[in-house]
Amino acid sequence: MQRRDIAAAQRELIGLGYDVGGADGLIGNKTRRSIGAWQTQNGQPATCYPDNKTLRALLQ
């Protein structure tokens, strides 16, 4: 997973109203918390980690 992929996911989360702390491509606490919340709201296990499955679903 590349930094640009994480930044794209962060931008998507920001657009959905999540506070990721900025689209810098780094997986910090706010990004992990937001990913976990998104996963829960979308029927996925809340791992709070942007694995490939989560990124594909988020960026569709």
C-alpha atoms as a PDB file:
ATOM      1  CA  MET A   1       0.000   0.000   0.000  1.00  0.00           C
ATOM      2  CA  GLN A   2       1.454   3.307  -1.047  1.00  0.00           C
ATOM      3  CA  ARG A   3       1.190   6.682   0.588  1.00  0.00           C
ATOM      4  CA  ARG A   4      -0.812   8.041  -2.353  1.00  0.00           C
ATOM      5  CA  ASP A   5      -3.410   5.283  -1.817  1.00  0.00           C
ATOM      6  CA  ILE A   6      -3.784   6.252   1.833  1.00  0.00           C
ATOM      7  CA  ALA A   7      -4.060   9.945   0.874  1.00  0.00           C
ATOM      8  CA  ALA A   8      -6.807   9.088  -1.631  1.00  0.00           C
ATOM      9  CA  ALA A   9      -8.686   7.180   1.064  1.00  0.00           C
ATOM     10  CA  GLN A  10      -8.252  10.098   3.456  1.00  0.00           C
ATOM     11  CA  ARG A  11      -9.663  12.517   0.881  1.00  0.00           C
ATOM     12  CA  GLU A  12     -12.651  10.220   0.386  1.00  0.00           C
ATOM     13  CA  LEU A  13     -13.221   9.974   4.131  1.00  0.00           C
ATOM     14  CA  ILE A  14     -12.992  13.761   4.456  1.00  0.00           C
ATOM     15  CA  GLY A  15     -15.596  14.076   1.693  1.00  0.00           C
ATOM     16  CA  LEU A  16     -17.845  11.743   3.665  1.00  0.00           C
ATOM     17  CA  GLY A  17     -17.529  13.938   6.750  1.00  0.00           C
ATOM     18  CA  TYR A  18     -14.861  12.082   8.732  1.00  0.00           C
ATOM     19  CA  ASP A  19     -12.075  13.912  10.549  1.00  0.00           C
ATOM     20  CA  VAL A  20      -8.834  12.242   9.465  1.00  0.00           C
ATOM     21  CA  GLY A  21      -6.661  15.211  10.362  1.00  0.00           C
ATOM     22  CA  GLY A  22      -5.686  15.905   6.747  1.00  0.00           C
ATOM     23  CA  ALA A  23      -4.864  13.941   3.607  1.00  0.00           C
ATOM     24  CA  ASP A  24      -1.148  13.432   4.157  1.00  0.00           C
ATOM     25  CA  GLY A  25      -0.951   9.731   3.307  1.00  0.00           C
ATOM     26  CA  LEU A  26       0.066   8.755   6.834  1.00  0.00           C
ATOM     27  CA  ILE A  27      -1.996   6.388   8.977  1.00  0.00           C
ATOM     28  CA  GLY A  28      -2.367   8.282  12.228  1.00  0.00           C
ATOM     29  CA  ASN A  29      -4.870   7.950  15.057  1.00  0.00           C
ATOM     30  CA  LYS A  30      -7.566  10.074  13.407  1.00  0.00           C
ATOM     31  CA  THR A  31      -7.273   8.153  10.153  1.00  0.00           C
ATOM     32  CA  ARG A  32      -7.477   4.798  11.945  1.00  0.00           C
ATOM     33  CA  ARG A  33     -10.476   5.923  13.990  1.00  0.00           C
ATOM     34  CA  SER A  34     -12.232   7.178  10.863  1.00  0.00           C
ATOM     35  CA  ILE A  35     -11.517   3.981   8.955  1.00  0.00           C
ATOM     36  CA  GLY A  36     -12.930   1.945  11.842  1.00  0.00           C
ATOM     37  CA  ALA A  37     -16.089   4.043  11.912  1.00  0.00           C
ATOM     38  CA  TRP A  38     -16.472   3.752   8.135  1.00  0.00           C
ATOM     39  CA  GLN A  39     -15.934  -0.021   8.292  1.00  0.00           C
ATOM     40  CA  THR A  40     -18.605  -0.389  10.979  1.00  0.00           C
ATOM     41  CA  GLN A  41     -21.094   1.724   9.030  1.00  0.00           C
ATOM     42  CA  ASN A  42     -20.459  -0.351   5.914  1.00  0.00           C
ATOM     43  CA  GLY A  43     -20.838  -3.809   7.426  1.00  0.00           C
ATOM     44  CA  GLN A  44     -17.149  -4.623   7.667  1.00  0.00           C
ATOM     45  CA  PRO A  45     -15.245  -5.705  10.764  1.00  0.00           C
ATOM     46  CA  ALA A  46     -13.769  -2.621  12.426  1.00  0.00           C
ATOM     47  CA  THR A  47     -10.057  -3.331  12.124  1.00  0.00           C
ATOM     48  CA  CYS A  48      -9.250   0.397  11.943  1.00  0.00           C
ATOM     49  CA  TYR A  49      -6.610  -0.478   9.359  1.00  0.00           C
ATOM     50  CA  PRO A  50      -6.804   0.389   5.641  1.00  0.00           C
ATOM     51  CA  ASP A  51      -6.287  -3.065   4.118  1.00  0.00           C
ATOM     52  CA  ASN A  52      -6.716  -3.613   0.378  1.00  0.00           C
ATOM     53  CA  LYS A  53     -10.359  -4.720   0.726  1.00  0.00           C
ATOM     54  CA  THR A  54     -11.256  -1.599   2.696  1.00  0.00           C
ATOM     55  CA  LEU A  55      -9.433   0.706   0.277  1.00  0.00           C
ATOM     56  CA  ARG A  56     -11.146  -0.842  -2.754  1.00  0.00           C
ATOM     57  CA  ALA A  57     -14.573  -0.476  -1.153  1.00  0.00           C
ATOM     58  CA  LEU A  58     -13.892   3.066   0.017  1.00  0.00           C
ATOM     59  CA  LEU A  59     -12.532   4.297  -3.298  1.00  0.00           C
ATOM     60  CA  GLN A  60     -15.318   2.911  -5.508  1.00  0.00           C
END
